[in-house]
mmCIF file of all heavy atoms, coordinates in Angstrom:
data_MODEL
# 
_entry.id   MODEL 
# 
loop_
_atom_site.group_PDB 
_atom_site.id 
_atom_site.type_symbol 
_atom_site.label_atom_id 
_atom_site.label_alt_id 
_atom_site.label_comp_id 
_atom_site.label_asym_id 
_atom_site.label_entity_id 
_atom_site.label_seq_id 
_atom_site.pdbx_PDB_ins_code 
_atom_site.Cartn_x 
_atom_site.Cartn_y 
_atom_site.Cartn_z 
_atom_site.occupancy 
_atom_site.B_iso_or_equiv 
_atom_site.pdbx_formal_charge 
_atom_site.auth_seq_id 
_atom_site.auth_comp_id 
_atom_site.auth_asym_id 
_atom_site.auth_atom_id 
_atom_site.pdbx_PDB_model_num 
ATOM 1   N N   . GLY A 1 1  ? 0.784  -1.256  -0.019 1.00 0.00 ? 1  GLY A N   1 
ATOM 2   C CA  . GLY A 1 1  ? 0.007  -0.041  0.099  1.00 0.00 ? 1  GLY A CA  1 
ATOM 3   C C   . GLY A 1 1  ? 0.886  1.257   0.055  1.00 0.00 ? 1  GLY A C   1 
ATOM 4   O O   . GLY A 1 1  ? 1.753  1.292   -0.675 1.00 0.00 ? 1  GLY A O   1 
ATOM 5   N N   . ARG A 1 2  ? 0.410  2.252   0.898  1.00 0.00 ? 2  ARG A N   1 
ATOM 6   C CA  . ARG A 1 2  ? 1.181  3.591   0.902  1.00 0.00 ? 2  ARG A CA  1 
ATOM 7   C C   . ARG A 1 2  ? 1.983  3.571   2.157  1.00 0.00 ? 2  ARG A C   1 
ATOM 8   O O   . ARG A 1 2  ? 2.340  4.677   2.536  1.00 0.00 ? 2  ARG A O   1 
ATOM 9   C CB  . ARG A 1 2  ? 0.210  4.553   0.802  1.00 0.00 ? 2  ARG A CB  1 
ATOM 10  C CG  . ARG A 1 2  ? -0.322 4.732   -0.644 1.00 0.00 ? 2  ARG A CG  1 
ATOM 11  C CD  . ARG A 1 2  ? -1.555 5.747   -0.680 1.00 0.00 ? 2  ARG A CD  1 
ATOM 12  N NE  . ARG A 1 2  ? -2.662 5.044   -0.044 1.00 0.00 ? 2  ARG A NE  1 
ATOM 13  C CZ  . ARG A 1 2  ? -3.849 5.677   -0.156 1.00 0.00 ? 2  ARG A CZ  1 
ATOM 14  N NH1 . ARG A 1 2  ? -4.061 6.876   -0.363 1.00 0.00 ? 2  ARG A NH1 1 
ATOM 15  N NH2 . ARG A 1 2  ? -4.913 5.022   0.441  1.00 0.00 ? 2  ARG A NH2 1 
ATOM 16  N N   . GLY A 1 3  ? 2.287  2.569   2.768  1.00 0.00 ? 3  GLY A N   1 
ATOM 17  C CA  . GLY A 1 3  ? 3.095  2.431   3.950  1.00 0.00 ? 3  GLY A CA  1 
ATOM 18  C C   . GLY A 1 3  ? 2.518  3.065   5.157  1.00 0.00 ? 3  GLY A C   1 
ATOM 19  O O   . GLY A 1 3  ? 3.219  3.443   6.101  1.00 0.00 ? 3  GLY A O   1 
ATOM 20  N N   . GLY A 1 4  ? 1.229  3.017   5.246  1.00 0.00 ? 4  GLY A N   1 
ATOM 21  C CA  . GLY A 1 4  ? 0.617  3.590   6.491  1.00 0.00 ? 4  GLY A CA  1 
ATOM 22  C C   . GLY A 1 4  ? 1.003  2.912   7.817  1.00 0.00 ? 4  GLY A C   1 
ATOM 23  O O   . GLY A 1 4  ? 1.207  3.551   8.738  1.00 0.00 ? 4  GLY A O   1 
ATOM 24  N N   . PHE A 1 5  ? 1.229  1.640   7.751  1.00 0.00 ? 5  PHE A N   1 
ATOM 25  C CA  . PHE A 1 5  ? 1.742  0.862   9.043  1.00 0.00 ? 5  PHE A CA  1 
ATOM 26  C C   . PHE A 1 5  ? 3.071  1.404   9.425  1.00 0.00 ? 5  PHE A C   1 
ATOM 27  O O   . PHE A 1 5  ? 3.367  1.453   10.610 1.00 0.00 ? 5  PHE A O   1 
ATOM 28  C CB  . PHE A 1 5  ? 1.831  -0.700  8.671  1.00 0.00 ? 5  PHE A CB  1 
ATOM 29  C CG  . PHE A 1 5  ? 2.855  -1.103  7.753  1.00 0.00 ? 5  PHE A CG  1 
ATOM 30  C CD1 . PHE A 1 5  ? 4.039  -1.653  8.330  1.00 0.00 ? 5  PHE A CD1 1 
ATOM 31  C CD2 . PHE A 1 5  ? 2.760  -0.968  6.398  1.00 0.00 ? 5  PHE A CD2 1 
ATOM 32  C CE1 . PHE A 1 5  ? 5.021  -2.054  7.498  1.00 0.00 ? 5  PHE A CE1 1 
ATOM 33  C CE2 . PHE A 1 5  ? 3.726  -1.400  5.605  1.00 0.00 ? 5  PHE A CE2 1 
ATOM 34  C CZ  . PHE A 1 5  ? 4.916  -2.000  6.073  1.00 0.00 ? 5  PHE A CZ  1 
ATOM 35  N N   . VAL A 1 6  ? 3.932  1.869   8.475  1.00 0.00 ? 6  VAL A N   1 
ATOM 36  C CA  . VAL A 1 6  ? 5.304  2.315   8.845  1.00 0.00 ? 6  VAL A CA  1 
ATOM 37  C C   . VAL A 1 6  ? 5.044  3.694   9.498  1.00 0.00 ? 6  VAL A C   1 
ATOM 38  O O   . VAL A 1 6  ? 5.697  3.948   10.541 1.00 0.00 ? 6  VAL A O   1 
ATOM 39  C CB  . VAL A 1 6  ? 6.099  2.534   7.591  1.00 0.00 ? 6  VAL A CB  1 
ATOM 40  C CG1 . VAL A 1 6  ? 7.365  3.228   7.986  1.00 0.00 ? 6  VAL A CG1 1 
ATOM 41  C CG2 . VAL A 1 6  ? 6.597  1.223   7.091  1.00 0.00 ? 6  VAL A CG2 1 
ATOM 42  N N   . GLU A 1 7  ? 4.230  4.441   8.959  1.00 0.00 ? 7  GLU A N   1 
ATOM 43  C CA  . GLU A 1 7  ? 4.037  5.895   9.524  1.00 0.00 ? 7  GLU A CA  1 
ATOM 44  C C   . GLU A 1 7  ? 3.312  5.909   10.863 1.00 0.00 ? 7  GLU A C   1 
ATOM 45  O O   . GLU A 1 7  ? 3.710  6.493   11.828 1.00 0.00 ? 7  GLU A O   1 
ATOM 46  C CB  . GLU A 1 7  ? 2.991  6.687   8.529  1.00 0.00 ? 7  GLU A CB  1 
ATOM 47  C CG  . GLU A 1 7  ? 2.974  8.208   9.032  1.00 0.00 ? 7  GLU A CG  1 
ATOM 48  C CD  . GLU A 1 7  ? 2.476  9.055   7.979  1.00 0.00 ? 7  GLU A CD  1 
ATOM 49  O OE1 . GLU A 1 7  ? 2.162  8.548   6.866  1.00 0.00 ? 7  GLU A OE1 1 
ATOM 50  O OE2 . GLU A 1 7  ? 2.384  10.278  8.275  1.00 0.00 ? 7  GLU A OE2 1 
ATOM 51  N N   . ILE A 1 8  ? 2.518  4.831   11.108 1.00 0.00 ? 8  ILE A N   1 
ATOM 52  C CA  . ILE A 1 8  ? 1.884  4.695   12.418 1.00 0.00 ? 8  ILE A CA  1 
ATOM 53  C C   . ILE A 1 8  ? 2.976  4.237   13.471 1.00 0.00 ? 8  ILE A C   1 
ATOM 54  O O   . ILE A 1 8  ? 2.905  4.718   14.564 1.00 0.00 ? 8  ILE A O   1 
ATOM 55  C CB  . ILE A 1 8  ? 0.742  3.641   12.428 1.00 0.00 ? 8  ILE A CB  1 
ATOM 56  C CG1 . ILE A 1 8  ? -0.577 4.234   11.553 1.00 0.00 ? 8  ILE A CG1 1 
ATOM 57  C CG2 . ILE A 1 8  ? 0.249  3.173   13.737 1.00 0.00 ? 8  ILE A CG2 1 
ATOM 58  C CD1 . ILE A 1 8  ? -1.501 3.309   11.300 1.00 0.00 ? 8  ILE A CD1 1 
ATOM 59  N N   . ALA A 1 9  ? 3.715  3.289   13.033 1.00 0.00 ? 9  ALA A N   1 
ATOM 60  C CA  . ALA A 1 9  ? 4.862  2.801   13.914 1.00 0.00 ? 9  ALA A CA  1 
ATOM 61  C C   . ALA A 1 9  ? 5.877  4.016   14.201 1.00 0.00 ? 9  ALA A C   1 
ATOM 62  O O   . ALA A 1 9  ? 6.306  4.204   15.451 1.00 0.00 ? 9  ALA A O   1 
ATOM 63  C CB  . ALA A 1 9  ? 5.590  1.632   13.312 1.00 0.00 ? 9  ALA A CB  1 
ATOM 64  N N   . MET A 1 10 ? 6.161  4.808   13.198 1.00 0.00 ? 10 MET A N   1 
ATOM 65  C CA  . MET A 1 10 ? 7.094  5.921   13.474 1.00 0.00 ? 10 MET A CA  1 
ATOM 66  C C   . MET A 1 10 ? 6.438  6.873   14.289 1.00 0.00 ? 10 MET A C   1 
ATOM 67  O O   . MET A 1 10 ? 7.077  7.313   15.403 1.00 0.00 ? 10 MET A O   1 
ATOM 68  C CB  . MET A 1 10 ? 7.285  6.631   12.175 1.00 0.00 ? 10 MET A CB  1 
ATOM 69  C CG  . MET A 1 10 ? 8.178  5.964   11.247 1.00 0.00 ? 10 MET A CG  1 
ATOM 70  S SD  . MET A 1 10 ? 8.387  6.873   9.629  1.00 0.00 ? 10 MET A SD  1 
ATOM 71  C CE  . MET A 1 10 ? 9.727  6.185   8.921  1.00 0.00 ? 10 MET A CE  1 
ATOM 72  N N   . ARG A 1 11 ? 5.275  7.261   14.223 1.00 0.00 ? 11 ARG A N   1 
ATOM 73  C CA  . ARG A 1 11 ? 4.389  8.161   15.012 1.00 0.00 ? 11 ARG A CA  1 
ATOM 74  C C   . ARG A 1 11 ? 4.347  7.594   16.443 1.00 0.00 ? 11 ARG A C   1 
ATOM 75  O O   . ARG A 1 11 ? 4.462  8.488   17.525 1.00 0.00 ? 11 ARG A O   1 
ATOM 76  C CB  . ARG A 1 11 ? 3.015  8.481   14.487 1.00 0.00 ? 11 ARG A CB  1 
ATOM 77  C CG  . ARG A 1 11 ? 2.322  9.542   15.132 1.00 0.00 ? 11 ARG A CG  1 
ATOM 78  C CD  . ARG A 1 11 ? 1.031  9.920   14.376 1.00 0.00 ? 11 ARG A CD  1 
ATOM 79  N NE  . ARG A 1 11 ? 1.492  10.675  13.279 1.00 0.00 ? 11 ARG A NE  1 
ATOM 80  C CZ  . ARG A 1 11 ? 1.000  10.603  12.088 1.00 0.00 ? 11 ARG A CZ  1 
ATOM 81  N NH1 . ARG A 1 11 ? -0.030 9.760   11.884 1.00 0.00 ? 11 ARG A NH1 1 
ATOM 82  N NH2 . ARG A 1 11 ? 1.394  11.285  10.964 1.00 0.00 ? 11 ARG A NH2 1 
ATOM 83  N N   . ALA A 1 12 ? 4.182  6.336   16.635 1.00 0.00 ? 12 ALA A N   1 
ATOM 84  C CA  . ALA A 1 12 ? 4.050  5.774   17.991 1.00 0.00 ? 12 ALA A CA  1 
ATOM 85  C C   . ALA A 1 12 ? 5.379  5.393   18.719 1.00 0.00 ? 12 ALA A C   1 
ATOM 86  O O   . ALA A 1 12 ? 5.511  5.082   19.939 1.00 0.00 ? 12 ALA A O   1 
ATOM 87  C CB  . ALA A 1 12 ? 3.263  4.490   17.924 1.00 0.00 ? 12 ALA A CB  1 
ATOM 88  N N   . GLY A 1 13 ? 6.479  5.464   17.837 1.00 0.00 ? 13 GLY A N   1 
ATOM 89  C CA  . GLY A 1 13 ? 7.741  5.218   18.366 1.00 0.00 ? 13 GLY A CA  1 
ATOM 90  C C   . GLY A 1 13 ? 8.002  3.724   18.628 1.00 0.00 ? 13 GLY A C   1 
ATOM 91  O O   . GLY A 1 13 ? 8.833  3.443   19.561 1.00 0.00 ? 13 GLY A O   1 
ATOM 92  N N   . VAL A 1 14 ? 7.343  2.899   17.923 1.00 0.00 ? 14 VAL A N   1 
ATOM 93  C CA  . VAL A 1 14 ? 7.526  1.511   18.059 1.00 0.00 ? 14 VAL A CA  1 
ATOM 94  C C   . VAL A 1 14 ? 8.032  0.834   16.835 1.00 0.00 ? 14 VAL A C   1 
ATOM 95  O O   . VAL A 1 14 ? 7.903  1.364   15.820 1.00 0.00 ? 14 VAL A O   1 
ATOM 96  C CB  . VAL A 1 14 ? 6.170  0.819   18.411 1.00 0.00 ? 14 VAL A CB  1 
ATOM 97  C CG1 . VAL A 1 14 ? 5.669  1.398   19.762 1.00 0.00 ? 14 VAL A CG1 1 
ATOM 98  C CG2 . VAL A 1 14 ? 5.095  1.022   17.473 1.00 0.00 ? 14 VAL A CG2 1 
ATOM 99  N N   . PRO A 1 15 ? 8.661  -0.406  17.097 1.00 0.00 ? 15 PRO A N   1 
ATOM 100 C CA  . PRO A 1 15 ? 9.099  -1.030  15.804 1.00 0.00 ? 15 PRO A CA  1 
ATOM 101 C C   . PRO A 1 15 ? 8.015  -1.909  15.154 1.00 0.00 ? 15 PRO A C   1 
ATOM 102 O O   . PRO A 1 15 ? 7.114  -2.009  15.807 1.00 0.00 ? 15 PRO A O   1 
ATOM 103 C CB  . PRO A 1 15 ? 10.169 -2.018  16.419 1.00 0.00 ? 15 PRO A CB  1 
ATOM 104 C CG  . PRO A 1 15 ? 9.691  -2.349  17.766 1.00 0.00 ? 15 PRO A CG  1 
ATOM 105 C CD  . PRO A 1 15 ? 9.058  -0.973  18.314 1.00 0.00 ? 15 PRO A CD  1 
ATOM 106 N N   . VAL A 1 16 ? 8.378  -2.381  13.874 1.00 0.00 ? 16 VAL A N   1 
ATOM 107 C CA  . VAL A 1 16 ? 7.434  -3.196  13.215 1.00 0.00 ? 16 VAL A CA  1 
ATOM 108 C C   . VAL A 1 16 ? 8.021  -4.555  13.330 1.00 0.00 ? 16 VAL A C   1 
ATOM 109 O O   . VAL A 1 16 ? 9.217  -4.696  13.290 1.00 0.00 ? 16 VAL A O   1 
ATOM 110 C CB  . VAL A 1 16 ? 7.313  -2.777  11.729 1.00 0.00 ? 16 VAL A CB  1 
ATOM 111 C CG1 . VAL A 1 16 ? 6.699  -3.766  10.963 1.00 0.00 ? 16 VAL A CG1 1 
ATOM 112 C CG2 . VAL A 1 16 ? 6.550  -1.398  11.592 1.00 0.00 ? 16 VAL A CG2 1 
ATOM 113 N N   . ILE A 1 17 ? 7.100  -5.528  13.586 1.00 0.00 ? 17 ILE A N   1 
ATOM 114 C CA  . ILE A 1 17 ? 7.684  -6.941  13.702 1.00 0.00 ? 17 ILE A CA  1 
ATOM 115 C C   . ILE A 1 17 ? 7.050  -7.650  12.438 1.00 0.00 ? 17 ILE A C   1 
ATOM 116 O O   . ILE A 1 17 ? 5.964  -8.071  12.499 1.00 0.00 ? 17 ILE A O   1 
ATOM 117 C CB  . ILE A 1 17 ? 7.140  -7.636  14.976 1.00 0.00 ? 17 ILE A CB  1 
ATOM 118 C CG1 . ILE A 1 17 ? 7.304  -6.791  16.223 1.00 0.00 ? 17 ILE A CG1 1 
ATOM 119 C CG2 . ILE A 1 17 ? 7.682  -9.051  15.235 1.00 0.00 ? 17 ILE A CG2 1 
ATOM 120 C CD1 . ILE A 1 17 ? 8.728  -6.647  16.704 1.00 0.00 ? 17 ILE A CD1 1 
ATOM 121 N N   . PRO A 1 18 ? 8.034  -7.953  11.495 1.00 0.00 ? 18 PRO A N   1 
ATOM 122 C CA  . PRO A 1 18 ? 7.512  -8.518  10.318 1.00 0.00 ? 18 PRO A CA  1 
ATOM 123 C C   . PRO A 1 18 ? 7.332  -10.049 10.594 1.00 0.00 ? 18 PRO A C   1 
ATOM 124 O O   . PRO A 1 18 ? 8.002  -10.674 11.255 1.00 0.00 ? 18 PRO A O   1 
ATOM 125 C CB  . PRO A 1 18 ? 8.607  -8.405  9.313  1.00 0.00 ? 18 PRO A CB  1 
ATOM 126 C CG  . PRO A 1 18 ? 9.504  -7.374  9.895  1.00 0.00 ? 18 PRO A CG  1 
ATOM 127 C CD  . PRO A 1 18 ? 9.426  -7.436  11.427 1.00 0.00 ? 18 PRO A CD  1 
ATOM 128 N N   . ILE A 1 19 ? 6.329  -10.570 10.005 1.00 0.00 ? 19 ILE A N   1 
ATOM 129 C CA  . ILE A 1 19 ? 5.985  -12.089 10.111 1.00 0.00 ? 19 ILE A CA  1 
ATOM 130 C C   . ILE A 1 19 ? 5.744  -12.615 8.698  1.00 0.00 ? 19 ILE A C   1 
ATOM 131 O O   . ILE A 1 19 ? 5.069  -12.143 7.918  1.00 0.00 ? 19 ILE A O   1 
ATOM 132 C CB  . ILE A 1 19 ? 4.746  -12.306 10.951 1.00 0.00 ? 19 ILE A CB  1 
ATOM 133 C CG1 . ILE A 1 19 ? 5.011  -11.760 12.440 1.00 0.00 ? 19 ILE A CG1 1 
ATOM 134 C CG2 . ILE A 1 19 ? 4.425  -13.859 10.954 1.00 0.00 ? 19 ILE A CG2 1 
ATOM 135 C CD1 . ILE A 1 19 ? 3.859  -11.758 13.240 1.00 0.00 ? 19 ILE A CD1 1 
ATOM 136 N N   . ALA A 1 20 ? 6.498  -13.733 8.406  1.00 0.00 ? 20 ALA A N   1 
ATOM 137 C CA  . ALA A 1 20 ? 6.253  -14.524 7.162  1.00 0.00 ? 20 ALA A CA  1 
ATOM 138 C C   . ALA A 1 20 ? 5.566  -15.767 7.524  1.00 0.00 ? 20 ALA A C   1 
ATOM 139 O O   . ALA A 1 20 ? 5.879  -16.524 8.435  1.00 0.00 ? 20 ALA A O   1 
ATOM 140 C CB  . ALA A 1 20 ? 7.672  -14.754 6.583  1.00 0.00 ? 20 ALA A CB  1 
ATOM 141 N N   . VAL A 1 21 ? 4.578  -16.066 6.622  1.00 0.00 ? 21 VAL A N   1 
ATOM 142 C CA  . VAL A 1 21 ? 3.731  -17.214 6.807  1.00 0.00 ? 21 VAL A CA  1 
ATOM 143 C C   . VAL A 1 21 ? 3.724  -18.135 5.539  1.00 0.00 ? 21 VAL A C   1 
ATOM 144 O O   . VAL A 1 21 ? 3.413  -17.523 4.463  1.00 0.00 ? 21 VAL A O   1 
ATOM 145 C CB  . VAL A 1 21 ? 2.333  -16.875 7.087  1.00 0.00 ? 21 VAL A CB  1 
ATOM 146 C CG1 . VAL A 1 21 ? 1.417  -18.131 7.303  1.00 0.00 ? 21 VAL A CG1 1 
ATOM 147 C CG2 . VAL A 1 21 ? 2.295  -16.132 8.435  1.00 0.00 ? 21 VAL A CG2 1 
ATOM 148 N N   . VAL A 1 22 ? 4.042  -19.376 5.674  1.00 0.00 ? 22 VAL A N   1 
ATOM 149 C CA  . VAL A 1 22 ? 4.030  -20.227 4.412  1.00 0.00 ? 22 VAL A CA  1 
ATOM 150 C C   . VAL A 1 22 ? 2.927  -21.267 4.700  1.00 0.00 ? 22 VAL A C   1 
ATOM 151 O O   . VAL A 1 22 ? 2.879  -21.842 5.887  1.00 0.00 ? 22 VAL A O   1 
ATOM 152 C CB  . VAL A 1 22 ? 5.391  -20.907 4.197  1.00 0.00 ? 22 VAL A CB  1 
ATOM 153 C CG1 . VAL A 1 22 ? 5.203  -22.149 3.186  1.00 0.00 ? 22 VAL A CG1 1 
ATOM 154 C CG2 . VAL A 1 22 ? 6.349  -19.756 3.650  1.00 0.00 ? 22 VAL A CG2 1 
ATOM 155 N N   . GLY A 1 23 ? 1.946  -21.570 3.838  1.00 0.00 ? 23 GLY A N   1 
ATOM 156 C CA  . GLY A 1 23 ? 0.933  -22.582 4.004  1.00 0.00 ? 23 GLY A CA  1 
ATOM 157 C C   . GLY A 1 23 ? -0.382 -22.060 3.790  1.00 0.00 ? 23 GLY A C   1 
ATOM 158 O O   . GLY A 1 23 ? -1.177 -22.754 3.454  1.00 0.00 ? 23 GLY A O   1 
ATOM 159 N N   . ALA A 1 24 ? -0.606 -20.760 4.031  1.00 0.00 ? 24 ALA A N   1 
ATOM 160 C CA  . ALA A 1 24 ? -1.819 -20.116 3.937  1.00 0.00 ? 24 ALA A CA  1 
ATOM 161 C C   . ALA A 1 24 ? -2.380 -20.175 2.427  1.00 0.00 ? 24 ALA A C   1 
ATOM 162 O O   . ALA A 1 24 ? -3.503 -20.342 2.213  1.00 0.00 ? 24 ALA A O   1 
ATOM 163 C CB  . ALA A 1 24 ? -1.987 -18.711 4.486  1.00 0.00 ? 24 ALA A CB  1 
ATOM 164 N N   . GLU A 1 25 ? -1.423 -20.040 1.559  1.00 0.00 ? 25 GLU A N   1 
ATOM 165 C CA  . GLU A 1 25 ? -1.814 -19.957 0.095  1.00 0.00 ? 25 GLU A CA  1 
ATOM 166 C C   . GLU A 1 25 ? -2.396 -21.353 -0.319 1.00 0.00 ? 25 GLU A C   1 
ATOM 167 O O   . GLU A 1 25 ? -3.331 -21.291 -1.242 1.00 0.00 ? 25 GLU A O   1 
ATOM 168 C CB  . GLU A 1 25 ? -0.610 -19.600 -0.706 1.00 0.00 ? 25 GLU A CB  1 
ATOM 169 C CG  . GLU A 1 25 ? -0.031 -18.323 -0.466 1.00 0.00 ? 25 GLU A CG  1 
ATOM 170 C CD  . GLU A 1 25 ? -0.864 -17.149 -1.022 1.00 0.00 ? 25 GLU A CD  1 
ATOM 171 O OE1 . GLU A 1 25 ? -1.672 -17.391 -1.842 1.00 0.00 ? 25 GLU A OE1 1 
ATOM 172 O OE2 . GLU A 1 25 ? -0.666 -16.003 -0.561 1.00 0.00 ? 25 GLU A OE2 1 
ATOM 173 N N   . GLU A 1 26 ? -1.905 -22.418 0.219  1.00 0.00 ? 26 GLU A N   1 
ATOM 174 C CA  . GLU A 1 26 ? -2.370 -23.752 -0.158 1.00 0.00 ? 26 GLU A CA  1 
ATOM 175 C C   . GLU A 1 26 ? -3.681 -24.129 0.560  1.00 0.00 ? 26 GLU A C   1 
ATOM 176 O O   . GLU A 1 26 ? -4.522 -24.935 0.171  1.00 0.00 ? 26 GLU A O   1 
ATOM 177 C CB  . GLU A 1 26 ? -1.337 -24.728 0.108  1.00 0.00 ? 26 GLU A CB  1 
ATOM 178 C CG  . GLU A 1 26 ? -0.167 -24.660 -0.899 1.00 0.00 ? 26 GLU A CG  1 
ATOM 179 C CD  . GLU A 1 26 ? 0.795  -23.754 -0.456 1.00 0.00 ? 26 GLU A CD  1 
ATOM 180 O OE1 . GLU A 1 26 ? 0.828  -23.148 0.716  1.00 0.00 ? 26 GLU A OE1 1 
ATOM 181 O OE2 . GLU A 1 26 ? 1.799  -23.496 -1.198 1.00 0.00 ? 26 GLU A OE2 1 
ATOM 182 N N   . ALA A 1 27 ? -3.979 -23.508 1.740  1.00 0.00 ? 27 ALA A N   1 
ATOM 183 C CA  . ALA A 1 27 ? -5.144 -23.859 2.544  1.00 0.00 ? 27 ALA A CA  1 
ATOM 184 C C   . ALA A 1 27 ? -6.430 -23.436 1.853  1.00 0.00 ? 27 ALA A C   1 
ATOM 185 O O   . ALA A 1 27 ? -7.462 -23.994 2.058  1.00 0.00 ? 27 ALA A O   1 
ATOM 186 C CB  . ALA A 1 27 ? -5.052 -23.312 3.896  1.00 0.00 ? 27 ALA A CB  1 
# 
């Protein structure tokens, strides 16, 4: 998207915790 999640994290002063999921595409 337009990076809204990054701007929210910046504004709140918190890090982003990325999560990768494999398997949902086949389910």
